[in-house]
N, C-alpha and C. Protein backbone atom coordinates (compact mmCIF):
# COMPACT_ATOMS: atom_id res chain seq x y z
N MET A 1 1.99 10.73 -23.53
CA MET A 1 3.14 10.90 -22.68
C MET A 1 4.39 11.17 -23.53
N ARG A 2 4.53 10.38 -24.59
CA ARG A 2 5.69 10.55 -25.47
C ARG A 2 5.71 11.95 -26.09
N GLU A 3 4.54 12.41 -26.55
CA GLU A 3 4.44 13.75 -27.16
C GLU A 3 4.77 14.84 -26.14
N TYR A 4 4.27 14.68 -24.92
CA TYR A 4 4.52 15.64 -23.85
C TYR A 4 6.02 15.72 -23.56
N LYS A 5 6.65 14.55 -23.43
CA LYS A 5 8.08 14.48 -23.15
C LYS A 5 8.87 15.18 -24.26
N GLU A 6 8.51 14.90 -25.51
CA GLU A 6 9.22 15.49 -26.64
C GLU A 6 8.96 17.00 -26.75
N ALA A 7 7.73 17.42 -26.48
CA ALA A 7 7.40 18.85 -26.55
C ALA A 7 8.20 19.66 -25.54
N LEU A 8 8.45 19.08 -24.37
CA LEU A 8 9.21 19.78 -23.34
C LEU A 8 10.71 19.52 -23.44
N GLY A 9 11.10 18.64 -24.34
CA GLY A 9 12.52 18.34 -24.50
C GLY A 9 13.12 17.62 -23.31
N LEU A 10 12.33 16.80 -22.64
CA LEU A 10 12.81 16.08 -21.46
C LEU A 10 13.72 14.94 -21.87
N LYS A 11 14.97 15.01 -21.47
CA LYS A 11 15.96 14.00 -21.84
C LYS A 11 16.15 12.95 -20.75
N ASN A 12 15.61 13.21 -19.56
CA ASN A 12 15.81 12.29 -18.44
C ASN A 12 14.69 11.25 -18.32
N ILE A 13 13.81 11.20 -19.29
CA ILE A 13 12.74 10.20 -19.31
C ILE A 13 12.94 9.33 -20.53
N ILE A 14 12.99 8.03 -20.31
CA ILE A 14 13.16 7.09 -21.41
C ILE A 14 11.93 6.21 -21.47
N GLN A 15 11.33 6.14 -22.63
CA GLN A 15 10.19 5.25 -22.86
C GLN A 15 10.63 4.20 -23.87
N LEU A 16 10.45 2.96 -23.50
CA LEU A 16 10.84 1.86 -24.38
C LEU A 16 9.60 1.21 -24.97
N ASP A 17 9.73 0.77 -26.19
CA ASP A 17 8.68 -0.02 -26.80
C ASP A 17 8.72 -1.43 -26.21
N TYR A 18 7.89 -2.30 -26.71
CA TYR A 18 7.84 -3.68 -26.25
C TYR A 18 9.25 -4.26 -26.21
N GLN A 19 9.58 -4.92 -25.11
CA GLN A 19 10.89 -5.53 -24.95
C GLN A 19 10.77 -7.04 -24.98
N PRO A 20 11.60 -7.72 -25.78
CA PRO A 20 11.56 -9.18 -25.78
C PRO A 20 11.97 -9.73 -24.42
N LEU A 21 11.43 -10.87 -24.08
CA LEU A 21 11.67 -11.49 -22.78
C LEU A 21 13.16 -11.64 -22.48
N GLU A 22 13.95 -11.96 -23.51
CA GLU A 22 15.38 -12.20 -23.25
C GLU A 22 16.14 -10.94 -22.84
N THR A 23 15.63 -9.76 -23.12
CA THR A 23 16.32 -8.53 -22.72
C THR A 23 15.55 -7.74 -21.65
N LEU A 24 14.42 -8.25 -21.24
CA LEU A 24 13.55 -7.52 -20.31
C LEU A 24 14.24 -7.21 -18.98
N ALA A 25 14.98 -8.15 -18.44
CA ALA A 25 15.65 -7.92 -17.15
C ALA A 25 16.58 -6.72 -17.21
N HIS A 26 17.26 -6.53 -18.34
CA HIS A 26 18.19 -5.41 -18.47
C HIS A 26 17.46 -4.07 -18.47
N SER A 27 16.38 -3.99 -19.22
CA SER A 27 15.67 -2.71 -19.29
C SER A 27 14.95 -2.41 -17.97
N LEU A 28 14.38 -3.43 -17.33
CA LEU A 28 13.70 -3.20 -16.05
C LEU A 28 14.69 -2.77 -14.97
N SER A 29 15.89 -3.31 -15.00
CA SER A 29 16.90 -2.98 -13.99
C SER A 29 17.49 -1.59 -14.20
N ALA A 30 17.34 -1.04 -15.38
CA ALA A 30 17.95 0.25 -15.69
C ALA A 30 17.16 1.44 -15.14
N ALA A 31 15.91 1.24 -14.82
CA ALA A 31 15.06 2.37 -14.40
C ALA A 31 15.29 2.77 -12.95
N ASP A 32 15.27 4.06 -12.70
CA ASP A 32 15.32 4.57 -11.33
C ASP A 32 13.94 4.55 -10.69
N LEU A 33 12.90 4.68 -11.52
CA LEU A 33 11.53 4.68 -11.05
C LEU A 33 10.63 4.22 -12.19
N HIS A 34 9.86 3.18 -11.94
CA HIS A 34 8.92 2.69 -12.94
C HIS A 34 7.56 3.34 -12.73
N VAL A 35 6.82 3.49 -13.81
CA VAL A 35 5.47 4.04 -13.75
C VAL A 35 4.49 2.96 -14.20
N VAL A 36 3.51 2.69 -13.36
CA VAL A 36 2.42 1.77 -13.68
C VAL A 36 1.15 2.62 -13.74
N THR A 37 0.42 2.53 -14.84
CA THR A 37 -0.81 3.32 -14.96
C THR A 37 -2.02 2.41 -15.07
N MET A 38 -3.13 2.90 -14.54
CA MET A 38 -4.37 2.15 -14.62
C MET A 38 -5.54 3.12 -14.50
N GLY A 39 -6.46 3.01 -15.42
CA GLY A 39 -7.66 3.84 -15.37
C GLY A 39 -8.70 3.23 -14.44
N GLU A 40 -9.46 4.08 -13.80
CA GLU A 40 -10.51 3.65 -12.87
C GLU A 40 -11.45 2.63 -13.50
N ALA A 41 -11.78 2.82 -14.76
CA ALA A 41 -12.75 1.95 -15.44
C ALA A 41 -12.22 0.53 -15.64
N PHE A 42 -10.91 0.33 -15.48
CA PHE A 42 -10.33 -0.98 -15.76
C PHE A 42 -10.07 -1.82 -14.52
N VAL A 43 -10.37 -1.29 -13.34
CA VAL A 43 -10.17 -2.05 -12.10
C VAL A 43 -11.04 -3.30 -12.15
N GLY A 44 -10.42 -4.44 -11.86
CA GLY A 44 -11.13 -5.71 -11.88
C GLY A 44 -11.22 -6.35 -13.25
N ILE A 45 -10.82 -5.61 -14.27
CA ILE A 45 -10.87 -6.13 -15.64
C ILE A 45 -9.46 -6.37 -16.17
N VAL A 46 -8.58 -5.40 -15.94
CA VAL A 46 -7.21 -5.46 -16.43
C VAL A 46 -6.28 -5.43 -15.24
N HIS A 47 -5.18 -6.16 -15.36
CA HIS A 47 -4.19 -6.17 -14.29
C HIS A 47 -2.83 -5.86 -14.90
N PRO A 48 -2.17 -4.79 -14.46
CA PRO A 48 -0.86 -4.45 -15.03
C PRO A 48 0.21 -5.43 -14.56
N CYS A 49 0.42 -6.47 -15.36
CA CYS A 49 1.32 -7.54 -14.97
C CYS A 49 2.79 -7.10 -14.95
N LYS A 50 3.09 -5.92 -15.50
CA LYS A 50 4.48 -5.49 -15.46
C LYS A 50 4.97 -5.28 -14.03
N LEU A 51 4.05 -5.19 -13.09
CA LEU A 51 4.43 -5.06 -11.68
C LEU A 51 5.37 -6.17 -11.26
N TYR A 52 5.14 -7.39 -11.72
CA TYR A 52 5.93 -8.53 -11.27
C TYR A 52 7.35 -8.48 -11.82
N GLY A 53 7.52 -7.98 -13.03
CA GLY A 53 8.86 -7.78 -13.56
C GLY A 53 9.59 -6.68 -12.81
N ILE A 54 8.86 -5.64 -12.44
CA ILE A 54 9.44 -4.54 -11.66
C ILE A 54 9.89 -5.04 -10.30
N LEU A 55 9.06 -5.86 -9.64
CA LEU A 55 9.44 -6.43 -8.35
C LEU A 55 10.66 -7.32 -8.50
N SER A 56 10.70 -8.14 -9.56
CA SER A 56 11.85 -9.02 -9.79
C SER A 56 13.13 -8.22 -9.98
N ALA A 57 13.01 -7.06 -10.62
CA ALA A 57 14.18 -6.21 -10.85
C ALA A 57 14.56 -5.43 -9.60
N GLY A 58 13.65 -5.40 -8.61
CA GLY A 58 13.94 -4.71 -7.36
C GLY A 58 13.95 -3.20 -7.48
N ARG A 59 13.10 -2.69 -8.35
CA ARG A 59 13.07 -1.24 -8.57
C ARG A 59 11.82 -0.61 -7.99
N PRO A 60 11.91 0.67 -7.58
CA PRO A 60 10.73 1.36 -7.07
C PRO A 60 9.75 1.66 -8.21
N PHE A 61 8.49 1.83 -7.82
CA PHE A 61 7.47 2.14 -8.83
C PHE A 61 6.43 3.06 -8.24
N VAL A 62 5.74 3.74 -9.13
CA VAL A 62 4.61 4.57 -8.75
C VAL A 62 3.41 4.11 -9.57
N LEU A 63 2.29 3.94 -8.91
CA LEU A 63 1.03 3.64 -9.58
C LEU A 63 0.29 4.96 -9.78
N ILE A 64 0.01 5.29 -11.01
CA ILE A 64 -0.88 6.41 -11.30
C ILE A 64 -2.22 5.75 -11.61
N GLY A 65 -3.07 5.73 -10.61
CA GLY A 65 -4.33 5.04 -10.76
C GLY A 65 -5.07 4.97 -9.43
N PRO A 66 -6.17 4.23 -9.41
CA PRO A 66 -7.03 4.18 -8.23
C PRO A 66 -6.41 3.39 -7.08
N ASP A 67 -6.78 3.79 -5.86
CA ASP A 67 -6.35 3.06 -4.66
C ASP A 67 -6.85 1.62 -4.70
N GLU A 68 -8.11 1.49 -5.08
CA GLU A 68 -8.76 0.18 -5.05
C GLU A 68 -8.43 -0.61 -6.32
N SER A 69 -7.28 -1.23 -6.31
CA SER A 69 -6.85 -2.08 -7.42
C SER A 69 -5.87 -3.09 -6.85
N ALA A 70 -5.54 -4.10 -7.62
CA ALA A 70 -4.59 -5.12 -7.15
C ALA A 70 -3.23 -4.49 -6.86
N VAL A 71 -2.80 -3.56 -7.69
CA VAL A 71 -1.52 -2.90 -7.46
C VAL A 71 -1.61 -2.03 -6.21
N GLY A 72 -2.72 -1.33 -6.03
CA GLY A 72 -2.93 -0.55 -4.81
C GLY A 72 -2.90 -1.43 -3.57
N ASP A 73 -3.46 -2.63 -3.68
CA ASP A 73 -3.41 -3.58 -2.56
C ASP A 73 -1.97 -3.94 -2.21
N VAL A 74 -1.15 -4.21 -3.22
CA VAL A 74 0.26 -4.54 -2.98
C VAL A 74 0.95 -3.38 -2.28
N ILE A 75 0.70 -2.17 -2.72
CA ILE A 75 1.33 -0.99 -2.11
C ILE A 75 0.92 -0.88 -0.65
N ARG A 76 -0.38 -1.00 -0.36
CA ARG A 76 -0.86 -0.88 1.02
C ARG A 76 -0.34 -2.01 1.91
N GLN A 77 -0.31 -3.22 1.40
CA GLN A 77 0.09 -4.38 2.20
C GLN A 77 1.59 -4.44 2.46
N THR A 78 2.40 -3.89 1.56
CA THR A 78 3.85 -4.07 1.66
C THR A 78 4.63 -2.79 1.91
N GLY A 79 4.04 -1.64 1.60
CA GLY A 79 4.79 -0.40 1.71
C GLY A 79 5.75 -0.19 0.55
N LEU A 80 5.73 -1.10 -0.42
CA LEU A 80 6.56 -0.94 -1.61
C LEU A 80 5.74 -0.19 -2.65
N GLY A 81 6.36 0.73 -3.34
CA GLY A 81 5.64 1.50 -4.33
C GLY A 81 4.88 2.65 -3.71
N THR A 82 4.42 3.53 -4.57
CA THR A 82 3.65 4.69 -4.16
C THR A 82 2.49 4.83 -5.13
N GLN A 83 1.38 5.35 -4.64
CA GLN A 83 0.20 5.53 -5.49
C GLN A 83 -0.16 7.00 -5.51
N VAL A 84 -0.44 7.50 -6.71
CA VAL A 84 -1.01 8.84 -6.85
C VAL A 84 -2.22 8.74 -7.77
N LYS A 85 -3.16 9.59 -7.53
CA LYS A 85 -4.37 9.60 -8.35
C LYS A 85 -4.09 10.27 -9.69
N PRO A 86 -4.75 9.83 -10.75
CA PRO A 86 -4.59 10.50 -12.04
C PRO A 86 -4.89 12.00 -11.90
N GLY A 87 -4.04 12.82 -12.47
CA GLY A 87 -4.21 14.27 -12.40
C GLY A 87 -3.51 14.92 -11.23
N ASP A 88 -2.98 14.13 -10.29
CA ASP A 88 -2.29 14.68 -9.13
C ASP A 88 -0.83 14.97 -9.49
N VAL A 89 -0.63 16.06 -10.19
CA VAL A 89 0.70 16.42 -10.68
C VAL A 89 1.65 16.68 -9.52
N LYS A 90 1.20 17.42 -8.51
CA LYS A 90 2.07 17.72 -7.37
C LYS A 90 2.49 16.43 -6.66
N GLY A 91 1.55 15.51 -6.51
CA GLY A 91 1.87 14.24 -5.86
C GLY A 91 2.90 13.45 -6.65
N LEU A 92 2.76 13.44 -7.96
CA LEU A 92 3.71 12.72 -8.81
C LEU A 92 5.09 13.37 -8.77
N VAL A 93 5.13 14.69 -8.81
CA VAL A 93 6.41 15.40 -8.72
C VAL A 93 7.09 15.05 -7.40
N GLN A 94 6.33 14.99 -6.32
CA GLN A 94 6.90 14.64 -5.02
C GLN A 94 7.48 13.22 -5.03
N VAL A 95 6.78 12.29 -5.66
CA VAL A 95 7.28 10.91 -5.76
C VAL A 95 8.60 10.87 -6.53
N VAL A 96 8.66 11.59 -7.64
CA VAL A 96 9.88 11.62 -8.46
C VAL A 96 11.03 12.25 -7.67
N GLU A 97 10.76 13.35 -6.98
CA GLU A 97 11.79 14.01 -6.17
C GLU A 97 12.28 13.09 -5.05
N THR A 98 11.37 12.38 -4.41
CA THR A 98 11.75 11.45 -3.35
C THR A 98 12.65 10.35 -3.92
N ALA A 99 12.29 9.81 -5.06
CA ALA A 99 13.10 8.76 -5.70
C ALA A 99 14.48 9.30 -6.06
N ARG A 100 14.53 10.53 -6.51
CA ARG A 100 15.81 11.14 -6.91
C ARG A 100 16.75 11.31 -5.72
N ARG A 101 16.20 11.61 -4.55
CA ARG A 101 17.00 11.87 -3.36
C ARG A 101 17.33 10.61 -2.56
N ARG A 102 16.77 9.48 -2.94
CA ARG A 102 16.94 8.26 -2.17
C ARG A 102 18.42 7.87 -2.05
N LEU A 103 18.82 7.51 -0.85
CA LEU A 103 20.19 7.06 -0.61
C LEU A 103 20.38 5.65 -1.17
N LEU A 104 21.62 5.29 -1.43
CA LEU A 104 21.94 3.96 -1.95
C LEU A 104 21.41 2.88 -1.01
N SER A 105 21.56 3.08 0.30
CA SER A 105 21.09 2.07 1.26
C SER A 105 19.57 1.89 1.17
N GLU A 106 18.84 2.97 0.93
CA GLU A 106 17.39 2.88 0.77
C GLU A 106 17.03 2.13 -0.51
N ARG A 107 17.75 2.41 -1.58
CA ARG A 107 17.50 1.71 -2.85
C ARG A 107 17.79 0.22 -2.70
N GLU A 108 18.86 -0.12 -1.99
CA GLU A 108 19.20 -1.53 -1.77
C GLU A 108 18.12 -2.23 -0.95
N GLU A 109 17.56 -1.54 0.04
CA GLU A 109 16.49 -2.13 0.86
C GLU A 109 15.22 -2.34 0.04
N ILE A 110 14.88 -1.40 -0.81
CA ILE A 110 13.73 -1.56 -1.71
C ILE A 110 13.95 -2.77 -2.60
N CYS A 111 15.15 -2.89 -3.13
CA CYS A 111 15.49 -4.02 -4.00
C CYS A 111 15.32 -5.34 -3.24
N ARG A 112 15.88 -5.42 -2.06
CA ARG A 112 15.80 -6.65 -1.26
C ARG A 112 14.35 -7.02 -0.97
N ARG A 113 13.57 -6.06 -0.51
CA ARG A 113 12.17 -6.33 -0.16
C ARG A 113 11.33 -6.68 -1.38
N SER A 114 11.60 -6.02 -2.50
CA SER A 114 10.84 -6.29 -3.73
C SER A 114 11.07 -7.71 -4.23
N VAL A 115 12.33 -8.10 -4.28
CA VAL A 115 12.66 -9.45 -4.77
C VAL A 115 12.10 -10.50 -3.81
N LEU A 116 12.19 -10.25 -2.51
CA LEU A 116 11.64 -11.18 -1.53
C LEU A 116 10.12 -11.32 -1.71
N LEU A 117 9.43 -10.20 -1.89
CA LEU A 117 7.98 -10.24 -2.10
C LEU A 117 7.65 -11.04 -3.36
N LYS A 118 8.34 -10.77 -4.44
CA LYS A 118 8.10 -11.49 -5.69
C LYS A 118 8.28 -12.99 -5.48
N ASN A 119 9.36 -13.38 -4.82
CA ASN A 119 9.65 -14.80 -4.62
C ASN A 119 8.68 -15.48 -3.66
N GLU A 120 8.27 -14.77 -2.61
CA GLU A 120 7.41 -15.39 -1.59
C GLU A 120 5.92 -15.36 -1.95
N ARG A 121 5.47 -14.36 -2.70
CA ARG A 121 4.03 -14.25 -2.97
C ARG A 121 3.64 -14.38 -4.43
N PHE A 122 4.55 -14.05 -5.33
CA PHE A 122 4.16 -13.96 -6.73
C PHE A 122 5.01 -14.80 -7.68
N SER A 123 5.78 -15.74 -7.16
CA SER A 123 6.58 -16.58 -8.05
C SER A 123 5.66 -17.56 -8.78
N GLN A 124 6.16 -18.12 -9.86
CA GLN A 124 5.37 -19.08 -10.63
C GLN A 124 4.99 -20.27 -9.76
N ALA A 125 5.93 -20.77 -8.97
CA ALA A 125 5.65 -21.93 -8.13
C ALA A 125 4.55 -21.63 -7.11
N VAL A 126 4.62 -20.47 -6.47
CA VAL A 126 3.62 -20.10 -5.47
C VAL A 126 2.25 -19.93 -6.13
N LEU A 127 2.20 -19.21 -7.23
CA LEU A 127 0.91 -18.95 -7.88
C LEU A 127 0.31 -20.21 -8.48
N CYS A 128 1.13 -21.09 -9.05
CA CYS A 128 0.60 -22.36 -9.58
C CYS A 128 0.04 -23.22 -8.44
N GLY A 129 0.72 -23.22 -7.31
CA GLY A 129 0.22 -23.96 -6.14
C GLY A 129 -1.11 -23.41 -5.66
N ARG A 130 -1.23 -22.09 -5.62
CA ARG A 130 -2.49 -21.48 -5.21
C ARG A 130 -3.61 -21.80 -6.19
N LEU A 131 -3.30 -21.77 -7.48
CA LEU A 131 -4.30 -22.09 -8.49
C LEU A 131 -4.74 -23.55 -8.38
N ALA A 132 -3.78 -24.45 -8.18
CA ALA A 132 -4.11 -25.87 -8.02
C ALA A 132 -5.00 -26.09 -6.80
N ASN A 133 -4.68 -25.42 -5.70
CA ASN A 133 -5.51 -25.54 -4.49
C ASN A 133 -6.92 -25.02 -4.74
N LEU A 134 -7.03 -23.93 -5.47
CA LEU A 134 -8.33 -23.35 -5.78
C LEU A 134 -9.16 -24.31 -6.64
N ILE A 135 -8.54 -24.88 -7.65
CA ILE A 135 -9.24 -25.83 -8.52
C ILE A 135 -9.66 -27.07 -7.74
N GLU A 136 -8.76 -27.59 -6.91
CA GLU A 136 -9.10 -28.76 -6.09
C GLU A 136 -10.24 -28.44 -5.14
N GLY A 137 -10.24 -27.24 -4.58
CA GLY A 137 -11.32 -26.83 -3.69
C GLY A 137 -12.66 -26.80 -4.40
N PHE A 138 -12.67 -26.28 -5.63
CA PHE A 138 -13.91 -26.29 -6.42
C PHE A 138 -14.36 -27.71 -6.69
N GLY A 139 -13.40 -28.58 -6.99
CA GLY A 139 -13.74 -29.98 -7.26
C GLY A 139 -14.35 -30.64 -6.05
N ARG A 140 -13.76 -30.42 -4.90
CA ARG A 140 -14.29 -31.02 -3.66
C ARG A 140 -15.68 -30.49 -3.35
N SER A 141 -15.88 -29.18 -3.52
CA SER A 141 -17.18 -28.60 -3.18
C SER A 141 -18.27 -29.04 -4.15
N SER A 142 -17.88 -29.48 -5.35
CA SER A 142 -18.88 -29.93 -6.32
C SER A 142 -19.13 -31.43 -6.23
N GLY A 143 -18.40 -32.11 -5.35
CA GLY A 143 -18.57 -33.55 -5.20
C GLY A 143 -17.69 -34.37 -6.12
N TRP A 144 -16.84 -33.72 -6.92
CA TRP A 144 -15.95 -34.44 -7.82
C TRP A 144 -14.87 -35.12 -7.00
N SER A 145 -14.47 -36.29 -7.41
CA SER A 145 -13.36 -36.99 -6.76
C SER A 145 -12.52 -37.64 -7.83
N GLU A 146 -11.35 -38.13 -7.43
CA GLU A 146 -10.47 -38.78 -8.40
C GLU A 146 -11.11 -40.04 -8.95
N ALA A 147 -12.06 -40.61 -8.25
CA ALA A 147 -12.76 -41.80 -8.74
C ALA A 147 -13.52 -41.49 -10.02
N HIS A 148 -13.89 -40.21 -10.21
CA HIS A 148 -14.61 -39.81 -11.42
C HIS A 148 -13.68 -39.55 -12.60
N ALA A 149 -12.39 -39.48 -12.34
CA ALA A 149 -11.44 -39.12 -13.39
C ALA A 149 -11.22 -40.24 -14.38
């Protein structure tokens, strides 16, 4: 991607290297459109966790990858984000053009909904609670009780 961008002299695309946690909010908030990529072979094995930072920043994103993935599920369930299949250049161009034409009010609504989704479904407190419930459920189904602790 970097070589392609440089070969065409594209100045409107910025690619950042690894960002330290203390500055991550600034770089995530600066983007007009984030790109999340995932190969078909990695579904169920790898999860692009940058989605949660993008949601926290309230920015739009496009998934270049398969429909059947955790990120694809989020897109289908919430209407946030857009998915295009790898190689669908016309589809990706359309997503970029749509993002470019978005009104301020539309961007603000995406921001509001993204942050709300992150806080209600993917916050640390919510996910830790779900994990604890899952572990307790396994314990109960195996016959484990606090008396065994």
